[in-house]
N, C-alpha and C. Protein backbone atom coordinates (compact mmCIF):
# COMPACT_ATOMS: atom_id res chain seq x y z
N MET A 1 47.87 41.45 273.94
CA MET A 1 48.63 41.12 272.64
C MET A 1 49.74 40.47 273.33
N THR A 2 49.87 38.82 273.03
CA THR A 2 51.14 38.21 273.70
C THR A 2 51.87 38.28 272.68
N VAL A 3 53.49 38.19 273.24
CA VAL A 3 54.60 38.42 272.33
C VAL A 3 55.33 36.80 272.53
N SER A 4 55.62 36.33 271.79
CA SER A 4 56.03 34.95 271.93
C SER A 4 57.31 35.09 271.66
N ALA A 5 58.03 34.05 272.52
CA ALA A 5 59.53 34.28 272.76
C ALA A 5 60.23 33.69 271.21
N PRO A 6 61.11 33.92 270.59
CA PRO A 6 61.70 33.47 269.46
C PRO A 6 62.26 31.84 269.53
N HIS A 7 62.06 31.16 268.46
CA HIS A 7 62.55 29.63 268.75
C HIS A 7 64.03 29.92 268.55
N ARG A 8 64.43 28.88 269.27
CA ARG A 8 65.96 28.70 268.96
C ARG A 8 66.68 27.12 268.93
N PRO A 9 67.72 26.80 268.56
CA PRO A 9 68.18 25.52 268.51
C PRO A 9 68.10 24.88 269.70
N ILE A 10 68.07 23.61 269.91
CA ILE A 10 68.17 22.90 271.35
C ILE A 10 69.24 23.29 271.84
N ASP A 11 70.40 23.00 270.95
CA ASP A 11 71.84 23.19 271.41
C ASP A 11 72.46 24.79 272.04
N ALA A 12 71.28 25.87 271.85
CA ALA A 12 71.46 27.08 272.36
C ALA A 12 71.05 26.88 273.91
N LEU A 13 70.48 26.12 274.37
CA LEU A 13 69.67 26.05 275.84
C LEU A 13 71.16 25.72 276.92
N ALA A 14 70.94 26.31 277.97
CA ALA A 14 71.87 26.01 279.03
C ALA A 14 71.84 24.98 279.66
N ILE A 15 72.72 24.40 280.34
CA ILE A 15 72.45 23.15 281.00
C ILE A 15 71.47 23.42 282.06
N GLY A 16 70.28 22.28 282.54
CA GLY A 16 69.39 22.41 283.24
C GLY A 16 67.99 23.06 282.41
N GLU A 17 68.28 24.20 281.49
CA GLU A 17 67.20 24.73 280.90
C GLU A 17 66.10 23.64 280.22
N VAL A 18 64.83 24.11 280.88
CA VAL A 18 64.08 23.26 280.15
C VAL A 18 63.24 24.07 279.36
N ALA A 19 62.60 23.31 277.93
CA ALA A 19 61.88 24.15 277.00
C ALA A 19 61.22 23.14 276.16
N LEU A 20 60.14 23.54 275.34
CA LEU A 20 59.52 23.01 274.70
C LEU A 20 59.86 22.81 273.16
N ILE A 21 59.61 21.73 272.76
CA ILE A 21 60.20 21.76 271.29
C ILE A 21 58.97 22.21 270.27
N ALA A 22 59.50 23.26 269.33
CA ALA A 22 58.63 23.89 268.73
C ALA A 22 58.47 23.17 267.25
N ALA A 23 59.56 22.74 267.02
CA ALA A 23 59.63 22.47 265.45
C ALA A 23 60.84 21.62 265.27
N ILE A 24 60.73 20.57 264.23
CA ILE A 24 61.90 19.59 263.90
C ILE A 24 62.55 19.94 262.58
N ASP A 25 63.40 20.32 261.95
CA ASP A 25 63.42 20.22 260.67
C ASP A 25 63.94 18.96 260.14
N ARG A 26 62.97 18.17 259.78
CA ARG A 26 62.82 16.74 259.28
C ARG A 26 63.62 16.79 257.98
N ALA A 27 63.43 17.96 257.03
CA ALA A 27 64.10 17.52 255.95
C ALA A 27 65.63 17.66 255.87
N GLY A 28 66.14 18.30 257.22
CA GLY A 28 67.65 18.25 257.54
C GLY A 28 68.26 17.01 257.46
N LEU A 29 67.25 16.12 257.67
CA LEU A 29 67.55 14.50 258.37
C LEU A 29 67.31 13.57 257.38
N ALA A 30 68.07 12.52 257.47
CA ALA A 30 67.64 11.56 256.47
C ALA A 30 66.46 10.81 257.15
N PRO A 31 65.65 10.26 256.54
CA PRO A 31 64.31 9.83 256.76
C PRO A 31 64.38 8.60 257.91
N ASP A 32 65.48 7.89 257.95
CA ASP A 32 65.40 6.93 259.16
C ASP A 32 65.81 7.45 260.56
N THR A 33 66.65 8.76 260.26
CA THR A 33 67.02 9.55 261.69
C THR A 33 65.82 10.16 262.06
N ALA A 34 65.13 10.73 260.92
CA ALA A 34 63.95 11.56 261.61
C ALA A 34 63.12 10.78 262.22
N GLN A 35 62.76 9.38 261.85
CA GLN A 35 61.87 8.61 262.45
C GLN A 35 62.22 7.84 263.34
N ARG A 36 63.51 7.73 263.59
CA ARG A 36 64.25 7.22 265.20
C ARG A 36 64.05 8.46 266.09
N LEU A 37 64.28 10.01 265.56
CA LEU A 37 63.83 10.69 266.75
C LEU A 37 62.61 10.76 267.13
N CYS A 38 61.71 10.42 266.44
CA CYS A 38 60.29 10.43 266.72
C CYS A 38 60.16 9.42 267.71
N GLU A 39 60.75 8.18 267.38
CA GLU A 39 60.45 7.06 268.36
C GLU A 39 61.02 7.25 269.75
N LEU A 40 62.11 8.20 269.96
CA LEU A 40 62.76 8.25 271.19
C LEU A 40 61.96 9.39 271.99
N GLY A 41 61.01 10.14 271.31
CA GLY A 41 60.17 10.90 271.84
C GLY A 41 60.46 12.26 271.45
N PHE A 42 61.09 12.82 270.61
CA PHE A 42 61.35 13.96 269.90
C PHE A 42 60.26 14.37 269.12
N ASP A 43 59.18 15.07 269.81
CA ASP A 43 58.22 15.65 268.64
C ASP A 43 57.66 17.12 269.03
N GLU A 44 56.98 17.86 268.25
CA GLU A 44 56.58 19.08 268.83
C GLU A 44 55.76 18.86 270.23
N GLY A 45 55.55 20.05 270.83
CA GLY A 45 55.16 19.93 272.04
C GLY A 45 55.71 19.27 273.25
N VAL A 46 56.68 18.67 272.85
CA VAL A 46 57.33 17.66 274.11
C VAL A 46 58.34 18.53 274.65
N ASP A 47 58.63 18.66 276.26
CA ASP A 47 59.65 19.22 276.90
C ASP A 47 60.66 18.62 276.97
N VAL A 48 61.70 19.19 276.77
CA VAL A 48 63.33 18.62 276.85
C VAL A 48 63.94 19.41 278.02
N GLU A 49 65.03 19.03 278.33
CA GLU A 49 66.21 19.62 279.19
C GLU A 49 67.46 19.19 279.02
N ILE A 50 68.38 19.92 278.95
CA ILE A 50 69.68 19.64 278.77
C ILE A 50 70.42 19.44 279.93
N LEU A 51 71.04 18.37 279.78
CA LEU A 51 71.58 17.63 281.00
C LEU A 51 73.14 17.95 281.36
N HIS A 52 73.64 17.79 279.97
CA HIS A 52 75.10 17.72 279.95
C HIS A 52 75.55 17.98 278.39
N ARG A 53 76.89 18.57 278.53
CA ARG A 53 77.93 18.75 277.51
C ARG A 53 78.81 18.26 277.54
N ALA A 54 79.35 17.68 276.57
CA ALA A 54 81.05 16.98 276.62
C ALA A 54 81.97 18.22 276.73
N PRO A 55 83.01 18.00 277.30
CA PRO A 55 83.97 19.10 277.26
C PRO A 55 84.49 19.21 275.77
N PHE A 56 85.35 20.54 275.62
CA PHE A 56 85.84 20.92 274.74
C PHE A 56 85.05 20.90 273.14
N GLY A 57 84.01 21.84 273.31
CA GLY A 57 83.23 21.88 272.17
C GLY A 57 81.68 21.28 272.25
N GLY A 58 81.47 20.82 273.56
CA GLY A 58 80.27 20.39 273.76
C GLY A 58 79.50 19.39 272.95
N ASP A 59 79.88 18.55 272.23
CA ASP A 59 79.65 17.36 271.37
C ASP A 59 80.06 16.31 271.71
N PRO A 60 78.94 15.20 272.24
CA PRO A 60 77.49 15.58 272.00
C PRO A 60 76.82 16.24 273.20
N ILE A 61 75.51 16.44 273.43
CA ILE A 61 74.97 17.05 274.21
C ILE A 61 73.97 15.74 274.93
N ALA A 62 73.79 15.80 276.25
CA ALA A 62 72.50 14.97 276.89
C ALA A 62 71.58 15.57 276.94
N VAL A 63 70.38 15.11 276.71
CA VAL A 63 68.98 15.74 276.56
C VAL A 63 68.10 14.79 277.36
N ARG A 64 67.46 15.10 278.39
CA ARG A 64 66.41 14.30 278.57
C ARG A 64 64.97 14.90 277.74
N VAL A 65 64.32 13.65 277.39
CA VAL A 65 63.23 13.88 276.88
C VAL A 65 62.10 12.85 277.31
N GLY A 66 61.05 13.44 278.14
CA GLY A 66 60.25 12.11 278.85
C GLY A 66 60.97 11.59 279.96
N ASN A 67 61.34 10.09 279.85
CA ASN A 67 62.20 9.64 281.10
C ASN A 67 63.46 9.08 280.69
N MET A 68 63.63 9.48 279.32
CA MET A 68 64.56 9.01 278.74
C MET A 68 65.89 10.02 278.54
N VAL A 69 67.23 9.79 278.74
CA VAL A 69 68.28 10.29 278.44
C VAL A 69 68.82 10.02 277.10
N VAL A 70 68.93 11.08 276.15
CA VAL A 70 69.26 10.80 274.56
C VAL A 70 70.87 11.88 274.71
N ALA A 71 71.75 11.15 273.87
CA ALA A 71 72.81 12.11 273.38
C ALA A 71 72.48 12.59 272.07
N LEU A 72 72.67 13.62 271.84
CA LEU A 72 72.77 14.23 270.53
C LEU A 72 73.83 14.76 269.81
N ARG A 73 74.27 14.86 268.65
CA ARG A 73 75.37 15.29 268.05
C ARG A 73 75.02 17.06 267.87
N ARG A 74 75.35 17.95 268.08
CA ARG A 74 75.36 19.25 267.73
C ARG A 74 74.66 19.50 266.94
N ASP A 75 75.25 18.77 265.31
CA ASP A 75 74.62 19.19 264.04
C ASP A 75 73.18 18.74 264.13
N MET A 76 72.84 17.54 264.99
CA MET A 76 71.35 17.09 264.99
C MET A 76 70.45 18.22 265.80
N ALA A 77 71.00 18.57 266.71
CA ALA A 77 70.54 19.40 267.85
C ALA A 77 70.32 20.52 267.34
N ARG A 78 70.97 21.05 266.36
CA ARG A 78 70.75 22.37 265.72
C ARG A 78 69.47 22.37 264.78
N LEU A 79 68.74 21.13 264.18
CA LEU A 79 67.54 20.88 263.61
C LEU A 79 66.47 21.11 264.32
N ILE A 80 66.65 20.98 265.76
CA ILE A 80 65.47 21.02 266.64
C ILE A 80 65.48 22.45 267.22
N GLU A 81 64.34 23.15 267.26
CA GLU A 81 63.95 24.46 267.76
C GLU A 81 63.05 24.32 268.99
N VAL A 82 63.25 24.79 269.79
CA VAL A 82 62.62 24.96 270.84
C VAL A 82 62.25 26.50 271.54
N GLU A 83 60.90 26.69 272.21
CA GLU A 83 60.68 27.84 272.75
C GLU A 83 60.65 27.53 274.35
N ALA A 84 60.78 29.01 275.13
CA ALA A 84 60.89 28.57 276.67
C ALA A 84 59.48 27.95 277.16
């Protein structure tokens, strides 16, 4: 029996940590924002890496998805669940 790691929001990852997108709470996003995230490459099964956090609160965070670097606000990042 394999025990899977629990999912956690992408903003809980440490800088340099790579994880797999497990789920995106699209209901918590405006439809156009959910579509834009998909266009940027954020989808279940995709690897992401946290590259940088802004000082003093860490908003926004820089995330590598595919060959792109995208800045995400923490409230949006919390809607993206990842697993190690």
